[in-house]
């Protein structure tokens, strides 16, 4: 079943300061980041060059186990 979850990045997270492409999100997890929200700026369907900064809230879509894998990479 498809799930959509929100995940807030913090400075201590391993994925902070990296791009979606560097983390190879889809290839490694099967989940997709469908939006990034930072301050008042929302990026829908961010591409591989999107920088995941501390304070960014990611909107993630995928199956439960795929989302779990993605969170492990981000942490």
PDB file of N, CA and C in Angstrom:
ATOM      1  N   UNK A   1       0.830  -1.195   0.000  1.00  0.00           N
ATOM      2  CA  UNK A   1       0.000   0.000   0.000  1.00  0.00           C
ATOM      3  C   UNK A   1       0.868   1.251   0.000  1.00  0.00           C
ATOM      4  N   UNK A   2       0.464   2.228  -0.784  1.00  0.00           N
ATOM      5  CA  UNK A   2       1.176   3.496  -0.860  1.00  0.00           C
ATOM      6  C   UNK A   2       0.951   4.301   0.413  1.00  0.00           C
ATOM      7  N   UNK A   3       2.047   4.845   0.927  1.00  0.00           N
ATOM      8  CA  UNK A   3       1.979   5.707   2.116  1.00  0.00           C
ATOM      9  C   UNK A   3       2.652   7.025   1.781  1.00  0.00           C
ATOM     10  N   UNK A   4       2.227   8.065   2.465  1.00  0.00           N
ATOM     11  CA  UNK A   4       2.876   9.369   2.366  1.00  0.00           C
ATOM     12  C   UNK A   4       3.192   9.811   3.784  1.00  0.00           C
ATOM     13  N   UNK A   5       4.462  10.169   4.011  1.00  0.00           N
ATOM     14  CA  UNK A   5       4.893  10.591   5.348  1.00  0.00           C
ATOM     15  C   UNK A   5       5.715  11.867   5.249  1.00  0.00           C
ATOM     16  N   UNK A   6       5.722  12.608   6.339  1.00  0.00           N
ATOM     17  CA  UNK A   6       6.525  13.816   6.463  1.00  0.00           C
ATOM     18  C   UNK A   6       7.707  13.501   7.375  1.00  0.00           C
ATOM     19  N   UNK A   7       8.897  14.010   6.997  1.00  0.00           N
ATOM     20  CA  UNK A   7      10.098  13.762   7.788  1.00  0.00           C
ATOM     21  C   UNK A   7      10.883  15.067   7.894  1.00  0.00           C
ATOM     22  N   UNK A   8      11.085  15.553   9.111  1.00  0.00           N
ATOM     23  CA  UNK A   8      11.814  16.816   9.323  1.00  0.00           C
ATOM     24  C   UNK A   8      13.296  16.527   9.529  1.00  0.00           C
ATOM     25  N   UNK A   9      14.124  17.149   8.693  1.00  0.00           N
ATOM     26  CA  UNK A   9      15.573  16.975   8.791  1.00  0.00           C
ATOM     27  C   UNK A   9      16.135  17.876   9.887  1.00  0.00           C
ATOM     28  N   UNK A  10      17.075  17.340  10.619  1.00  0.00           N
ATOM     29  CA  UNK A  10      17.779  18.108  11.642  1.00  0.00           C
ATOM     30  C   UNK A  10      19.259  18.116  11.288  1.00  0.00           C
ATOM     31  N   UNK A  11      20.006  19.033  11.865  1.00  0.00           N
ATOM     32  CA  UNK A  11      21.421  19.169  11.552  1.00  0.00           C
ATOM     33  C   UNK A  11      22.239  17.930  11.836  1.00  0.00           C
ATOM     34  N   UNK A  12      21.806  17.140  12.801  1.00  0.00           N
ATOM     35  CA  UNK A  12      22.555  15.940  13.170  1.00  0.00           C
ATOM     36  C   UNK A  12      22.279  14.768  12.230  1.00  0.00           C
ATOM     37  N   UNK A  13      21.255  14.883  11.381  1.00  0.00           N
ATOM     38  CA  UNK A  13      20.922  13.797  10.465  1.00  0.00           C
ATOM     39  C   UNK A  13      22.017  13.610   9.422  1.00  0.00           C
ATOM     40  N   UNK A  14      22.333  12.370   9.128  1.00  0.00           N
ATOM     41  CA  UNK A  14      23.386  12.018   8.171  1.00  0.00           C
ATOM     42  C   UNK A  14      23.122  12.595   6.779  1.00  0.00           C
ATOM     43  N   UNK A  15      21.854  12.642   6.376  1.00  0.00           N
ATOM     44  CA  UNK A  15      21.508  13.115   5.035  1.00  0.00           C
ATOM     45  C   UNK A  15      21.497  14.625   4.879  1.00  0.00           C
ATOM     46  N   UNK A  16      21.579  15.364   5.976  1.00  0.00           N
ATOM     47  CA  UNK A  16      21.562  16.827   5.903  1.00  0.00           C
ATOM     48  C   UNK A  16      22.807  17.325   5.183  1.00  0.00           C
ATOM     49  N   UNK A  17      22.606  18.275   4.274  1.00  0.00           N
ATOM     50  CA  UNK A  17      23.719  18.831   3.519  1.00  0.00           C
ATOM     51  C   UNK A  17      24.055  18.045   2.265  1.00  0.00           C
ATOM     52  N   UNK A  18      23.266  17.042   1.934  1.00  0.00           N
ATOM     53  CA  UNK A  18      23.486  16.245   0.722  1.00  0.00           C
ATOM     54  C   UNK A  18      22.307  16.436  -0.225  1.00  0.00           C
ATOM     55  N   UNK A  19      22.534  16.125  -1.495  1.00  0.00           N
ATOM     56  CA  UNK A  19      21.454  16.226  -2.473  1.00  0.00           C
ATOM     57  C   UNK A  19      20.728  14.889  -2.588  1.00  0.00           C
ATOM     58  N   UNK A  20      19.542  14.939  -3.177  1.00  0.00           N
ATOM     59  CA  UNK A  20      18.783  13.710  -3.416  1.00  0.00           C
ATOM     60  C   UNK A  20      19.602  12.763  -4.290  1.00  0.00           C
ATOM     61  N   UNK A  21      20.296  13.312  -5.286  1.00  0.00           N
ATOM     62  CA  UNK A  21      21.129  12.495  -6.170  1.00  0.00           C
ATOM     63  C   UNK A  21      22.292  11.836  -5.448  1.00  0.00           C
ATOM     64  N   UNK A  22      22.947  12.574  -4.565  1.00  0.00           N
ATOM     65  CA  UNK A  22      24.062  12.001  -3.798  1.00  0.00           C
ATOM     66  C   UNK A  22      23.599  10.828  -2.942  1.00  0.00           C
ATOM     67  N   UNK A  23      22.407  10.939  -2.404  1.00  0.00           N
ATOM     68  CA  UNK A  23      21.878   9.880  -1.542  1.00  0.00           C
ATOM     69  C   UNK A  23      21.298   8.711  -2.338  1.00  0.00           C
ATOM     70  N   UNK A  24      21.124   8.903  -3.653  1.00  0.00           N
ATOM     71  CA  UNK A  24      20.557   7.871  -4.535  1.00  0.00           C
ATOM     72  C   UNK A  24      19.257   7.311  -3.951  1.00  0.00           C
ATOM     73  N   UNK A  25      18.365   8.221  -3.620  1.00  0.00           N
ATOM     74  CA  UNK A  25      17.143   7.880  -2.887  1.00  0.00           C
ATOM     75  C   UNK A  25      16.336   6.774  -3.562  1.00  0.00           C
ATOM     76  N   UNK A  26      15.929   6.973  -4.801  1.00  0.00           N
ATOM     77  CA  UNK A  26      15.061   5.981  -5.465  1.00  0.00           C
ATOM     78  C   UNK A  26      15.787   4.666  -5.701  1.00  0.00           C
ATOM     79  N   UNK A  27      17.038   4.758  -6.136  1.00  0.00           N
ATOM     80  CA  UNK A  27      17.793   3.544  -6.444  1.00  0.00           C
ATOM     81  C   UNK A  27      18.016   2.682  -5.204  1.00  0.00           C
ATOM     82  N   UNK A  28      18.288   3.309  -4.077  1.00  0.00           N
ATOM     83  CA  UNK A  28      18.623   2.563  -2.859  1.00  0.00           C
ATOM     84  C   UNK A  28      17.418   2.147  -2.031  1.00  0.00           C
ATOM     85  N   UNK A  29      16.289   2.872  -2.190  1.00  0.00           N
ATOM     86  CA  UNK A  29      15.168   2.609  -1.289  1.00  0.00           C
ATOM     87  C   UNK A  29      13.857   2.257  -1.980  1.00  0.00           C
ATOM     88  N   UNK A  30      13.673   2.715  -3.206  1.00  0.00           N
ATOM     89  CA  UNK A  30      12.396   2.523  -3.885  1.00  0.00           C
ATOM     90  C   UNK A  30      11.358   3.566  -3.497  1.00  0.00           C
ATOM     91  N   UNK A  31      11.672   4.418  -2.527  1.00  0.00           N
ATOM     92  CA  UNK A  31      10.767   5.496  -2.111  1.00  0.00           C
ATOM     93  C   UNK A  31      11.096   6.760  -2.903  1.00  0.00           C
ATOM     94  N   UNK A  32      10.181   7.700  -2.903  1.00  0.00           N
ATOM     95  CA  UNK A  32      10.377   8.961  -3.612  1.00  0.00           C
ATOM     96  C   UNK A  32      10.146  10.140  -2.678  1.00  0.00           C
ATOM     97  N   UNK A  33      10.979  11.162  -2.843  1.00  0.00           N
ATOM     98  CA  UNK A  33      10.745  12.427  -2.151  1.00  0.00           C
ATOM     99  C   UNK A  33       9.885  13.254  -3.095  1.00  0.00           C
ATOM    100  N   UNK A  34       8.634  13.500  -2.709  1.00  0.00           N
ATOM    101  CA  UNK A  34       7.709  14.176  -3.614  1.00  0.00           C
ATOM    102  C   UNK A  34       7.612  15.679  -3.358  1.00  0.00           C
ATOM    103  N   UNK A  35       8.183  16.141  -2.243  1.00  0.00           N
ATOM    104  CA  UNK A  35       8.233  17.577  -1.975  1.00  0.00           C
ATOM    105  C   UNK A  35       9.254  17.858  -0.883  1.00  0.00           C
ATOM    106  N   UNK A  36       9.798  19.055  -0.939  1.00  0.00           N
ATOM    107  CA  UNK A  36      10.679  19.552   0.107  1.00  0.00           C
ATOM    108  C   UNK A  36      10.151  20.901   0.566  1.00  0.00           C
ATOM    109  N   UNK A  37      10.005  21.075   1.865  1.00  0.00           N
ATOM    110  CA  UNK A  37       9.452  22.315   2.404  1.00  0.00           C
ATOM    111  C   UNK A  37      10.482  22.921   3.356  1.00  0.00           C
ATOM    112  N   UNK A  38      10.898  24.149   3.042  1.00  0.00           N
ATOM    113  CA  UNK A  38      11.879  24.846   3.864  1.00  0.00           C
ATOM    114  C   UNK A  38      11.406  26.282   4.035  1.00  0.00           C
ATOM    115  N   UNK A  39      11.190  26.701   5.252  1.00  0.00           N
ATOM    116  CA  UNK A  39      10.639  28.030   5.545  1.00  0.00           C
ATOM    117  C   UNK A  39       9.318  28.188   4.784  1.00  0.00           C
ATOM    118  N   UNK A  40       9.218  29.201   3.935  1.00  0.00           N
ATOM    119  CA  UNK A  40       7.992  29.421   3.160  1.00  0.00           C
ATOM    120  C   UNK A  40       8.117  28.898   1.735  1.00  0.00           C
ATOM    121  N   UNK A  41       9.169  28.157   1.448  1.00  0.00           N
ATOM    122  CA  UNK A  41       9.427  27.675   0.089  1.00  0.00           C
ATOM    123  C   UNK A  41       9.103  26.187  -0.015  1.00  0.00           C
ATOM    124  N   UNK A  42       8.225  25.841  -0.943  1.00  0.00           N
ATOM    125  CA  UNK A  42       7.881  24.444  -1.185  1.00  0.00           C
ATOM    126  C   UNK A  42       8.305  24.069  -2.593  1.00  0.00           C
ATOM    127  N   UNK A  43       9.079  22.999  -2.711  1.00  0.00           N
ATOM    128  CA  UNK A  43       9.500  22.494  -4.013  1.00  0.00           C
ATOM    129  C   UNK A  43       8.776  21.173  -4.242  1.00  0.00           C
ATOM    130  N   UNK A  44       7.929  21.141  -5.268  1.00  0.00           N
ATOM    131  CA  UNK A  44       7.199  19.930  -5.620  1.00  0.00           C
ATOM    132  C   UNK A  44       8.063  19.105  -6.568  1.00  0.00           C
ATOM    133  N   UNK A  45       8.137  17.805  -6.327  1.00  0.00           N
ATOM    134  CA  UNK A  45       8.912  16.878  -7.150  1.00  0.00           C
ATOM    135  C   UNK A  45      10.362  17.350  -7.322  1.00  0.00           C
ATOM    136  N   UNK A  46      11.093  17.516  -6.225  1.00  0.00           N
ATOM    137  CA  UNK A  46      12.474  18.000  -6.321  1.00  0.00           C
ATOM    138  C   UNK A  46      13.355  17.017  -7.084  1.00  0.00           C
ATOM    139  N   UNK A  47      14.257  17.563  -7.879  1.00  0.00           N
ATOM    140  CA  UNK A  47      15.149  16.743  -8.693  1.00  0.00           C
ATOM    141  C   UNK A  47      16.379  16.289  -7.926  1.00  0.00           C
ATOM    142  N   UNK A  48      17.297  15.604  -8.622  1.00  0.00           N
ATOM    143  CA  UNK A  48      18.485  15.053  -7.969  1.00  0.00           C
ATOM    144  C   UNK A  48      19.432  16.105  -7.400  1.00  0.00           C
ATOM    145  N   UNK A  49      19.352  17.338  -7.883  1.00  0.00           N
ATOM    146  CA  UNK A  49      20.248  18.387  -7.375  1.00  0.00           C
ATOM    147  C   UNK A  49      19.675  19.105  -6.150  1.00  0.00           C
ATOM    148  N   UNK A  50      18.486  18.719  -5.701  1.00  0.00           N
ATOM    149  CA  UNK A  50      17.856  19.366  -4.544  1.00  0.00           C
ATOM    150  C   UNK A  50      18.664  19.084  -3.283  1.00  0.00           C
ATOM    151  N   UNK A  51      19.100  20.153  -2.616  1.00  0.00           N
ATOM    152  CA  UNK A  51      19.897  20.048  -1.399  1.00  0.00           C
ATOM    153  C   UNK A  51      18.986  19.892  -0.189  1.00  0.00           C
ATOM    154  N   UNK A  52      19.233  18.838   0.576  1.00  0.00           N
ATOM    155  CA  UNK A  52      18.449  18.574   1.782  1.00  0.00           C
ATOM    156  C   UNK A  52      19.152  19.254   2.954  1.00  0.00           C
ATOM    157  N   UNK A  53      18.642  20.404   3.337  1.00  0.00           N
ATOM    158  CA  UNK A  53      19.253  21.196   4.404  1.00  0.00           C
ATOM    159  C   UNK A  53      18.592  20.900   5.745  1.00  0.00           C
ATOM    160  N   UNK A  54      19.323  21.146   6.845  1.00  0.00           N
ATOM    161  CA  UNK A  54      18.684  21.042   8.157  1.00  0.00           C
ATOM    162  C   UNK A  54      17.466  21.965   8.201  1.00  0.00           C
ATOM    163  N   UNK A  55      16.390  21.505   8.791  1.00  0.00           N
ATOM    164  CA  UNK A  55      15.168  22.287   8.864  1.00  0.00           C
ATOM    165  C   UNK A  55      14.197  22.015   7.728  1.00  0.00           C
ATOM    166  N   UNK A  56      14.646  21.274   6.717  1.00  0.00           N
ATOM    167  CA  UNK A  56      13.773  20.922   5.601  1.00  0.00           C
ATOM    168  C   UNK A  56      12.832  19.797   6.020  1.00  0.00           C
ATOM    169  N   UNK A  57      11.568  19.936   5.670  1.00  0.00           N
ATOM    170  CA  UNK A  57      10.616  18.847   5.856  1.00  0.00           C
ATOM    171  C   UNK A  57      10.441  18.167   4.511  1.00  0.00           C
ATOM    172  N   UNK A  58      10.679  16.868   4.478  1.00  0.00           N
ATOM    173  CA  UNK A  58      10.537  16.094   3.250  1.00  0.00           C
ATOM    174  C   UNK A  58       9.207  15.362   3.263  1.00  0.00           C
ATOM    175  N   UNK A  59       8.524  15.379   2.132  1.00  0.00           N
ATOM    176  CA  UNK A  59       7.303  14.599   1.957  1.00  0.00           C
ATOM    177  C   UNK A  59       7.715  13.382   1.135  1.00  0.00           C
ATOM    178  N   UNK A  60       7.541  12.207   1.731  1.00  0.00           N
ATOM    179  CA  UNK A  60       8.053  10.955   1.170  1.00  0.00           C
ATOM    180  C   UNK A  60       6.887  10.049   0.800  1.00  0.00           C
ATOM    181  N   UNK A  61       6.979   9.410  -0.375  1.00  0.00           N
ATOM    182  CA  UNK A  61       5.946   8.466  -0.804  1.00  0.00           C
ATOM    183  C   UNK A  61       6.583   7.117  -1.096  1.00  0.00           C
ATOM    184  N   UNK A  62       5.867   6.058  -0.731  1.00  0.00           N
ATOM    185  CA  UNK A  62       6.343   4.708  -1.012  1.00  0.00           C
ATOM    186  C   UNK A  62       5.639   3.698  -0.134  1.00  0.00           C
ATOM    187  N   UNK A  63       6.068   2.467  -0.251  1.00  0.00           N
ATOM    188  CA  UNK A  63       5.551   1.427   0.635  1.00  0.00           C
ATOM    189  C   UNK A  63       6.232   1.573   1.991  1.00  0.00           C
ATOM    190  N   UNK A  64       5.622   1.016   3.012  1.00  0.00           N
ATOM    191  CA  UNK A  64       6.110   1.173   4.388  1.00  0.00           C
ATOM    192  C   UNK A  64       7.587   0.802   4.519  1.00  0.00           C
ATOM    193  N   UNK A  65       7.988  -0.339   3.963  1.00  0.00           N
ATOM    194  CA  UNK A  65       9.384  -0.771   4.102  1.00  0.00           C
ATOM    195  C   UNK A  65      10.337   0.120   3.305  1.00  0.00           C
ATOM    196  N   UNK A  66       9.870   0.679   2.163  1.00  0.00           N
ATOM    197  CA  UNK A  66      10.707   1.582   1.380  1.00  0.00           C
ATOM    198  C   UNK A  66      10.944   2.893   2.128  1.00  0.00           C
ATOM    199  N   UNK A  67       9.898   3.397   2.768  1.00  0.00           N
ATOM    200  CA  UNK A  67      10.024   4.633   3.548  1.00  0.00           C
ATOM    201  C   UNK A  67      10.951   4.407   4.738  1.00  0.00           C
ATOM    202  N   UNK A  68      10.861   3.249   5.349  1.00  0.00           N
ATOM    203  CA  UNK A  68      11.744   2.925   6.474  1.00  0.00           C
ATOM    204  C   UNK A  68      13.205   2.950   6.023  1.00  0.00           C
ATOM    205  N   UNK A  69      13.500   2.366   4.854  1.00  0.00           N
ATOM    206  CA  UNK A  69      14.866   2.382   4.315  1.00  0.00           C
ATOM    207  C   UNK A  69      15.342   3.812   4.075  1.00  0.00           C
ATOM    208  N   UNK A  70      14.473   4.638   3.505  1.00  0.00           N
ATOM    209  CA  UNK A  70      14.845   6.022   3.233  1.00  0.00           C
ATOM    210  C   UNK A  70      15.157   6.769   4.525  1.00  0.00           C
ATOM    211  N   UNK A  71      14.344   6.590   5.539  1.00  0.00           N
ATOM    212  CA  UNK A  71      14.603   7.252   6.820  1.00  0.00           C
ATOM    213  C   UNK A  71      15.934   6.802   7.412  1.00  0.00           C
ATOM    214  N   UNK A  72      16.288   5.532   7.231  1.00  0.00           N
ATOM    215  CA  UNK A  72      17.579   5.038   7.730  1.00  0.00           C
ATOM    216  C   UNK A  72      18.730   5.740   7.027  1.00  0.00           C
ATOM    217  N   UNK A  73      18.593   5.993   5.723  1.00  0.00           N
ATOM    218  CA  UNK A  73      19.631   6.707   4.973  1.00  0.00           C
ATOM    219  C   UNK A  73      19.725   8.157   5.446  1.00  0.00           C
ATOM    220  N   UNK A  74      18.582   8.779   5.703  1.00  0.00           N
ATOM    221  CA  UNK A  74      18.560  10.183   6.117  1.00  0.00           C
ATOM    222  C   UNK A  74      19.090  10.387   7.526  1.00  0.00           C
ATOM    223  N   UNK A  75      18.886   9.407   8.397  1.00  0.00           N
ATOM    224  CA  UNK A  75      19.327   9.534   9.783  1.00  0.00           C
ATOM    225  C   UNK A  75      20.821   9.389   9.870  1.00  0.00           C
TER     226      UNK A  75
END
